[in-house]
Amino acid sequence: MTSPASQSTRSLSVRTRFEIFKRDGFTCQYCGLKSPEVVLEVDHIIPVCQGGNDDVLNLITACWACNSGKAGVALDRVMTSEDPHDKAIESLERQRQLDEYNRVIAEERERREAEVWDLWQFWQAERGYTSHDDLNSAPHTDLGWLRASLGFCPREQIREFMILAIGRRAIKNLKYVAVCVRNWRYEHQANQDTGRDDA
């Protein structure tokens, strides 16, 4: 038998569901479990039967167990079904969510890689290295550092530090930029810790 929680989200489009999943990091907002470890659903914070709507502000990512538990079934109760149809539907949903999760990760990796090369080509061009080889090849250490830095520092901020380095003629390598990024990270973290982050 299909869960009531599943029935309540059938009116949502697949696109809407996955936008909610992406917003919430493919993580159940009740228990913290992530896809593909669990099958995810979109839950109405205010249930439809109590006047809730499909506005994104009323939607949240929940795993099947938590969403069922919220509907009145104890969370420590084991949710099982002997219906082969239900098991097949759950298996297909799990695979679909895994495929979507992998697609989002791949898109993020491609976006990050494009940002890495955008920054490298900007750095090279500003230093006067404009040949095809200069713009499209780079030391692995520099590329690795850029990839890691983009994990916590915005691209435009790194670009500003590159401009600063160029203005100060610290252009032999990326060390000056790296120091700026490191200091920015420390300051950014300190501001977050004290609740004064305006970045």
Protein backbone atom coordinates (compact mmCIF):
# COMPACT_ATOMS: atom_id res chain seq x y z
CA MET A 1 0.00 0.00 0.00
CA THR A 2 1.39 3.38 -0.97
CA SER A 3 2.07 5.76 1.91
CA PRO A 4 -0.28 8.72 2.46
CA ALA A 5 2.78 10.94 2.37
CA SER A 6 3.56 9.78 -1.15
CA GLN A 7 -0.02 10.40 -2.19
CA SER A 8 0.11 13.98 -0.87
CA THR A 9 3.12 14.86 -3.04
CA ARG A 10 1.85 13.34 -6.28
CA SER A 11 0.39 16.68 -7.35
CA LEU A 12 3.88 18.22 -7.34
CA SER A 13 5.81 18.13 -10.59
CA VAL A 14 9.03 16.15 -10.77
CA ARG A 15 10.87 19.43 -11.42
CA THR A 16 9.45 21.02 -8.28
CA ARG A 17 10.34 17.99 -6.19
CA PHE A 18 13.94 17.97 -7.33
CA GLU A 19 14.28 21.73 -6.90
CA ILE A 20 13.26 21.23 -3.25
CA PHE A 21 15.71 18.32 -2.94
CA LYS A 22 18.52 20.47 -4.39
CA ARG A 23 17.65 23.40 -2.13
CA ASP A 24 17.83 21.12 0.90
CA GLY A 25 21.02 19.38 -0.24
CA PHE A 26 19.31 16.03 -0.86
CA THR A 27 19.02 15.72 2.93
CA CYS A 28 16.03 14.86 5.12
CA GLN A 29 15.42 18.00 7.15
CA TYR A 30 14.10 15.94 10.08
CA CYS A 31 16.73 13.23 10.62
CA GLY A 32 19.65 14.41 8.47
CA LEU A 33 19.92 11.27 6.32
CA LYS A 34 20.87 11.87 2.70
CA SER A 35 20.08 10.40 -0.69
CA PRO A 36 20.90 7.74 -1.82
CA GLU A 37 20.93 6.32 1.72
CA VAL A 38 17.20 6.92 1.99
CA VAL A 39 14.32 7.58 -0.39
CA LEU A 40 13.33 11.23 -0.24
CA GLU A 41 9.91 12.83 -0.49
CA VAL A 42 8.66 16.39 -0.40
CA ASP A 43 6.68 17.09 2.75
CA HIS A 44 4.18 19.88 3.30
CA ILE A 45 5.19 21.69 6.50
CA ILE A 46 1.57 22.70 6.95
CA PRO A 47 -0.36 19.68 5.65
CA VAL A 48 -2.71 20.20 2.74
CA CYS A 49 -5.57 18.85 4.86
CA GLN A 50 -4.94 21.74 7.29
CA GLY A 51 -4.85 24.41 4.60
CA GLY A 52 -1.23 24.13 3.50
CA ASN A 53 -0.36 24.80 -0.14
CA ASP A 54 2.37 23.88 -2.64
CA ASP A 55 4.35 27.10 -2.17
CA VAL A 56 8.07 26.31 -1.94
CA LEU A 57 8.16 27.93 1.50
CA ASN A 58 5.73 25.26 2.68
CA LEU A 59 7.73 22.40 1.16
CA ILE A 60 10.60 20.55 2.77
CA THR A 61 12.69 17.48 2.01
CA ALA A 62 11.92 14.47 4.18
CA CYS A 63 12.86 10.82 4.00
CA TRP A 64 10.05 8.31 3.65
CA ALA A 65 10.27 7.14 7.27
CA CYS A 66 10.19 10.65 8.75
CA ASN A 67 7.39 11.80 6.45
CA SER A 68 5.36 8.74 7.38
CA GLY A 69 6.15 9.28 11.05
CA LYS A 70 5.00 12.88 10.83
CA ALA A 71 1.68 11.55 9.56
CA GLY A 72 1.16 9.73 12.84
CA VAL A 73 3.27 6.61 12.55
CA ALA A 74 5.96 6.27 15.24
CA LEU A 75 9.43 6.91 13.84
CA ASP A 76 10.83 3.84 15.58
CA ARG A 77 8.34 1.58 13.83
CA VAL A 78 9.88 -0.43 11.01
CA MET A 79 8.29 0.50 7.72
CA THR A 80 7.93 -2.57 5.55
CA SER A 81 5.67 -3.64 2.76
CA GLU A 82 5.18 -7.07 1.31
CA ASP A 83 3.52 -5.68 -1.79
CA PRO A 84 5.94 -6.28 -4.70
CA HIS A 85 4.45 -3.32 -6.56
CA ASP A 86 5.28 -0.94 -3.70
CA LYS A 87 8.79 -2.34 -3.45
CA ALA A 88 9.28 -1.88 -7.19
CA ILE A 89 8.04 1.72 -6.99
CA GLU A 90 10.39 2.41 -4.06
CA SER A 91 13.31 0.88 -5.96
CA LEU A 92 12.57 2.99 -9.05
CA GLU A 93 12.24 6.13 -6.95
CA ARG A 94 15.54 5.40 -5.21
CA GLN A 95 17.27 4.97 -8.59
CA ARG A 96 15.69 8.15 -9.97
CA GLN A 97 16.84 10.14 -6.97
CA LEU A 98 20.34 8.66 -7.21
CA ASP A 99 20.48 9.60 -10.90
CA GLU A 100 19.33 13.15 -10.13
CA TYR A 101 21.79 13.44 -7.25
CA ASN A 102 24.66 12.30 -9.49
CA ARG A 103 23.54 14.74 -12.19
CA VAL A 104 23.58 17.65 -9.74
CA ILE A 105 27.03 16.65 -8.48
CA ALA A 106 28.31 16.38 -12.07
CA GLU A 107 26.88 19.80 -12.94
CA GLU A 108 28.50 21.33 -9.87
CA ARG A 109 31.84 19.73 -10.80
CA GLU A 110 31.58 21.08 -14.35
CA ARG A 111 30.66 24.55 -13.08
CA ARG A 112 33.59 24.56 -10.65
CA GLU A 113 35.98 23.40 -13.37
CA ALA A 114 34.80 26.17 -15.69
CA GLU A 115 35.40 28.70 -12.90
CA VAL A 116 38.91 27.30 -12.34
CA TRP A 117 39.85 27.82 -15.99
CA ASP A 118 38.16 31.21 -16.11
CA LEU A 119 40.33 32.37 -13.21
CA TRP A 120 43.49 30.83 -14.62
CA GLN A 121 42.98 32.41 -18.03
CA PHE A 122 42.26 35.79 -16.41
CA TRP A 123 45.45 35.49 -14.33
CA GLN A 124 47.56 34.54 -17.34
CA ALA A 125 46.11 37.22 -19.61
CA GLU A 126 46.58 39.95 -17.00
CA ARG A 127 50.23 38.88 -16.66
CA GLY A 128 50.67 39.12 -20.42
CA TYR A 129 50.60 35.40 -21.21
CA THR A 130 48.09 35.20 -24.04
CA SER A 131 49.20 32.30 -26.23
CA HIS A 132 46.89 29.31 -26.55
CA ASP A 133 49.24 27.15 -24.47
CA ASP A 134 49.60 29.79 -21.76
CA LEU A 135 45.84 30.12 -21.43
CA ASN A 136 44.92 26.46 -21.71
CA SER A 137 47.58 24.65 -19.72
CA ALA A 138 48.52 25.12 -16.10
CA PRO A 139 50.55 23.43 -13.36
CA HIS A 140 48.55 20.81 -11.48
CA THR A 141 49.40 22.52 -8.20
CA ASP A 142 47.87 25.81 -9.35
CA LEU A 143 44.74 24.13 -10.69
CA GLY A 144 44.40 22.08 -7.52
CA TRP A 145 44.71 25.17 -5.36
CA LEU A 146 42.10 27.02 -7.40
CA ARG A 147 39.68 24.09 -7.18
CA ALA A 148 40.11 23.87 -3.42
CA SER A 149 39.80 27.64 -2.93
CA LEU A 150 36.58 27.81 -4.95
CA GLY A 151 35.09 25.40 -2.43
CA PHE A 152 34.89 28.21 0.13
CA CYS A 153 35.81 31.49 -1.58
CA PRO A 154 33.67 33.08 -4.32
CA ARG A 155 35.22 33.32 -7.78
CA GLU A 156 34.83 37.09 -7.92
CA GLN A 157 36.65 37.43 -4.60
CA ILE A 158 39.59 35.40 -5.90
CA ARG A 159 39.58 37.53 -9.06
CA GLU A 160 39.76 40.69 -6.91
CA PHE A 161 42.78 39.25 -5.11
CA MET A 162 44.39 38.53 -8.48
CA ILE A 163 43.84 42.15 -9.50
CA LEU A 164 45.35 43.26 -6.19
CA ALA A 165 48.39 41.02 -6.77
CA ILE A 166 48.84 42.40 -10.28
CA GLY A 167 48.61 45.98 -8.97
CA ARG A 168 51.34 45.17 -6.45
CA ARG A 169 53.39 43.37 -9.09
CA ALA A 170 53.27 40.14 -7.08
CA ILE A 171 52.78 38.14 -10.27
CA LYS A 172 55.56 35.54 -10.27
CA ASN A 173 53.07 32.94 -9.00
CA LEU A 174 49.82 32.66 -7.06
CA LYS A 175 51.39 32.87 -3.61
CA TYR A 176 50.25 36.43 -2.93
CA VAL A 177 46.73 35.54 -4.06
CA ALA A 178 46.83 32.44 -1.84
CA VAL A 179 47.74 34.53 1.21
CA CYS A 180 44.87 36.93 0.47
CA VAL A 181 42.43 34.02 0.13
CA ARG A 182 43.68 32.45 3.36
CA ASN A 183 43.28 35.72 5.27
CA TRP A 184 39.84 36.26 3.75
CA ARG A 185 38.83 32.78 4.89
CA TYR A 186 39.98 33.40 8.46
CA GLU A 187 38.19 36.73 8.61
CA HIS A 188 35.07 35.31 6.98
CA GLN A 189 34.99 32.43 9.50
CA ALA A 190 35.57 34.76 12.43
CA ASN A 191 32.71 36.98 11.30
CA GLN A 192 30.43 33.96 10.97
CA ASP A 193 31.39 32.77 14.44
CA THR A 194 30.53 36.16 15.94
CA GLY A 195 27.41 36.66 13.83
CA ARG A 196 28.86 39.67 12.03
CA ASP A 197 29.28 38.17 8.59
CA ASP A 198 28.29 40.66 5.91
CA ALA A 199 29.98 38.78 3.03
